[in-house]
């Protein structure tokens, strides 16, 4: 099981990088669509994964777990929820009510 986890730990950052690269290629084709923000989201994910993959020490007394718990995962959740609730369902009330609920609870 540990060998499988180590294999995934080395392969998954490359998969994220290639998905961000494809997103960057399609970024200029999607100028007039809200899907261009998904490409930027993928690039953001790659940057944060690359930083914490190569930097295991704490930055400004912030550990990797604290960063992901209080910044990384909430940004990812709010973006994906924005893409789903606001853009796919066209329901602003649903998006804002549950986003505020997520932020404050």
Foldseek 3Di string as FASTA:
>chain_A
DVVVVVVCVVVVLVVLVVVLVVLVVCLVVQVPHPCNVVSVVSVVVSVVCVVCVVDQDDDPPAGPVNCCVPPVVLVVVLVVLCCCVCVVVVDPVVSVVVNVVVVPD
